[in-house]
C-alpha atoms as a PDB file:
ATOM      1  CA  MET A   1       0.165  -0.102   0.124  1.00  0.00           C
ATOM      2  CA  ALA A   2       1.655   3.278  -1.493  1.00  0.00           C
ATOM      3  CA  VAL A   3       0.938   6.178   1.292  1.00  0.00           C
ATOM      4  CA  PRO A   4      -0.642   9.117  -0.327  1.00  0.00           C
ATOM      5  CA  ASP A   5       1.473  12.485  -0.922  1.00  0.00           C
ATOM      6  CA  LEU A   6      -0.860  14.162   1.454  1.00  0.00           C
ATOM      7  CA  PRO A   7       0.004  18.015   2.645  1.00  0.00           C
ATOM      8  CA  LEU A   8       0.759  17.842   6.294  1.00  0.00           C
ATOM      9  CA  TRP A   9      -3.109  19.557   7.125  1.00  0.00           C
ATOM     10  CA  GLY A  10      -4.752  16.911   4.746  1.00  0.00           C
ATOM     11  CA  TRP A  11      -3.324  13.848   7.556  1.00  0.00           C
ATOM     12  CA  ASN A  12      -4.264  15.992  10.069  1.00  0.00           C
ATOM     13  CA  LEU A  13      -7.810  17.223   9.307  1.00  0.00           C
ATOM     14  CA  ILE A  14      -8.738  13.250   8.745  1.00  0.00           C
ATOM     15  CA  ILE A  15      -6.661  12.181  12.002  1.00  0.00           C
ATOM     16  CA  ALA A  16      -9.104  15.444  13.711  1.00  0.00           C
ATOM     17  CA  ILE A  17     -12.278  14.086  12.170  1.00  0.00           C
ATOM     18  CA  GLN A  18     -11.307  10.571  12.932  1.00  0.00           C
ATOM     19  CA  ARG A  19     -10.870  11.379  16.488  1.00  0.00           C
ATOM     20  CA  HIS A  20     -14.183  13.263  16.590  1.00  0.00           C
ATOM     21  CA  GLU A  21     -15.826  10.198  15.342  1.00  0.00           C
ATOM     22  CA  GLU A  22     -14.367   7.966  18.154  1.00  0.00           C
ATOM     23  CA  LEU A  23     -14.972  10.610  20.824  1.00  0.00           C
ATOM     24  CA  HIS A  24     -18.343  11.293  20.220  1.00  0.00           C
ATOM     25  CA  GLY A  25     -19.845   7.948  19.276  1.00  0.00           C
ATOM     26  CA  LYS A  26     -21.712   6.478  16.371  1.00  0.00           C
ATOM     27  CA  GLU A  27     -24.790   8.294  17.273  1.00  0.00           C
ATOM     28  CA  ASP A  28     -23.323  11.515  16.277  1.00  0.00           C
ATOM     29  CA  THR A  29     -22.587  11.007  13.112  1.00  0.00           C
ATOM     30  CA  CYS A  30     -22.363  14.640  11.581  1.00  0.00           C
ATOM     31  CA  LEU A  31     -18.742  13.871   9.947  1.00  0.00           C
ATOM     32  CA  ASN A  32     -19.283  10.459   8.841  1.00  0.00           C
ATOM     33  CA  GLY A  33     -20.353  11.531   5.514  1.00  0.00           C
ATOM     34  CA  VAL A  34     -17.002  13.811   5.472  1.00  0.00           C
ATOM     35  CA  LEU A  35     -14.709  10.699   6.571  1.00  0.00           C
ATOM     36  CA  ASN A  36     -16.193   8.327   4.305  1.00  0.00           C
ATOM     37  CA  ALA A  37     -15.005  10.460   1.502  1.00  0.00           C
ATOM     38  CA  VAL A  38     -11.794  10.213   2.673  1.00  0.00           C
ATOM     39  CA  PRO A  39     -10.591   6.316   0.587  1.00  0.00           C
ATOM     40  CA  ALA A  40     -10.222   3.755   3.141  1.00  0.00           C
ATOM     41  CA  ASP A  41      -7.089   2.938   2.657  1.00  0.00           C
ATOM     42  CA  VAL A  42      -5.805   6.757   4.108  1.00  0.00           C
ATOM     43  CA  ARG A  43      -8.205   6.533   6.674  1.00  0.00           C
ATOM     44  CA  LEU A  44      -6.187   3.391   7.743  1.00  0.00           C
ATOM     45  CA  GLN A  45      -2.771   4.951   7.426  1.00  0.00           C
ATOM     46  CA  ALA A  46      -4.093   8.665   9.440  1.00  0.00           C
ATOM     47  CA  ALA A  47      -5.373   6.123  11.983  1.00  0.00           C
ATOM     48  CA  ALA A  48      -1.855   4.466  12.243  1.00  0.00           C
ATOM     49  CA  ILE A  49      -0.294   7.799  12.731  1.00  0.00           C
ATOM     50  CA  GLY A  50      -2.593   8.792  15.026  1.00  0.00           C
ATOM     51  CA  ALA A  51      -2.061   6.106  17.301  1.00  0.00           C
ATOM     52  CA  TYR A  52       1.620   6.676  16.754  1.00  0.00           C
ATOM     53  CA  VAL A  53       1.713  10.170  17.735  1.00  0.00           C
ATOM     54  CA  GLN A  54      -0.464   9.700  20.776  1.00  0.00           C
ATOM     55  CA  LYS A  55       1.059   6.863  22.067  1.00  0.00           C
ATOM     56  CA  ALA A  56       4.461   9.649  21.792  1.00  0.00           C
ATOM     57  CA  ARG A  57       2.796  11.754  23.906  1.00  0.00           C
ATOM     58  CA  ASN A  58       1.879   9.204  26.313  1.00  0.00           C
ATOM     59  CA  ASP A  59       5.441   8.146  26.366  1.00  0.00           C
ATOM     60  CA  GLU A  60       6.217  11.766  26.812  1.00  0.00           C
ATOM     61  CA  LEU A  61       4.290  12.070  29.345  1.00  0.00           C
ATOM     62  CA  GLY A  62       4.935   9.432  31.386  1.00  0.00           C
ATOM     63  CA  LYS A  63       8.530  10.351  31.395  1.00  0.00           C
ATOM     64  CA  ARG A  64       7.598  14.169  32.869  1.00  0.00           C
ATOM     65  CA  ILE A  65       5.613  12.113  35.730  1.00  0.00           C
ATOM     66  CA  SER A  66       8.173   9.308  36.754  1.00  0.00           C
ATOM     67  CA  ASP A  67      11.017  12.324  36.669  1.00  0.00           C
ATOM     68  CA  HIS A  68       8.689  14.454  38.826  1.00  0.00           C
ATOM     69  CA  ILE A  69       8.172  11.118  40.827  1.00  0.00           C
ATOM     70  CA  LYS A  70      12.151  10.472  41.232  1.00  0.00           C
ATOM     71  CA  TRP A  71      12.502  14.283  42.909  1.00  0.00           C
ATOM     72  CA  LEU A  72      10.106  13.721  45.000  1.00  0.00           C
ATOM     73  CA  THR A  73      11.123  10.553  46.502  1.00  0.00           C
ATOM     74  CA  ASP A  74      14.464  11.788  46.853  1.00  0.00           C
ATOM     75  CA  SER A  75      13.527  14.726  48.074  1.00  0.00           C
ATOM     76  CA  LEU A  76      11.736  13.260  50.523  1.00  0.00           C
ATOM     77  CA  PHE A  77      14.230  10.787  51.053  1.00  0.00           C
ATOM     78  CA  ALA A  78      17.720  13.113  51.174  1.00  0.00           C
ATOM     79  CA  ASP A  79      19.826  13.081  53.996  1.00  0.00           C
ATOM     80  CA  GLN A  80      18.299  15.008  56.617  1.00  0.00           C
ATOM     81  CA  SER A  81      21.096  16.238  58.428  1.00  0.00           C
ATOM     82  CA  THR A  82      22.988  17.759  55.220  1.00  0.00           C
ATOM     83  CA  GLY A  83      19.433  18.714  53.436  1.00  0.00           C
ATOM     84  CA  SER A  84      21.667  17.901  50.240  1.00  0.00           C
ATOM     85  CA  HIS A  85      19.326  17.251  47.547  1.00  0.00           C
ATOM     86  CA  GLU A  86      18.104  18.567  44.135  1.00  0.00           C
ATOM     87  CA  GLU A  87      16.296  22.048  44.257  1.00  0.00           C
ATOM     88  CA  GLY A  88      13.221  22.292  42.354  1.00  0.00           C
ATOM     89  CA  PRO A  89      11.376  19.626  40.205  1.00  0.00           C
ATOM     90  CA  PRO A  90      12.570  18.831  36.651  1.00  0.00           C
ATOM     91  CA  GLN A  91      11.859  21.621  34.333  1.00  0.00           C
ATOM     92  CA  GLU A  92       9.599  20.147  30.916  1.00  0.00           C
ATOM     93  CA  ASP A  93      11.317  21.669  27.909  1.00  0.00           C
ATOM     94  CA  GLU A  94       9.675  24.032  25.747  1.00  0.00           C
ATOM     95  CA  THR A  95      10.037  22.293  22.771  1.00  0.00           C
ATOM     96  CA  PRO A  96       6.575  21.145  21.475  1.00  0.00           C
END
């Protein structure tokens, strides 16, 4: 199956419509006609791209949570006599 040469906004639009349909259930079919106009193989590829992007977001969120938990536990169990521990929780990247 060849990947269609779609602009980024095209992929984003298809993924957004698919997410809308997933969130609003089968009874709200207002965008089904639009989604059905997209070829089935393109919808499948867009779904795969959307799932990959969502997993990457979840992985990044999980890493941030893990870093914060590590900082909290390190802070709680730091040597009380010296008070030595990292100052402040891990900072988030400014990059999207």
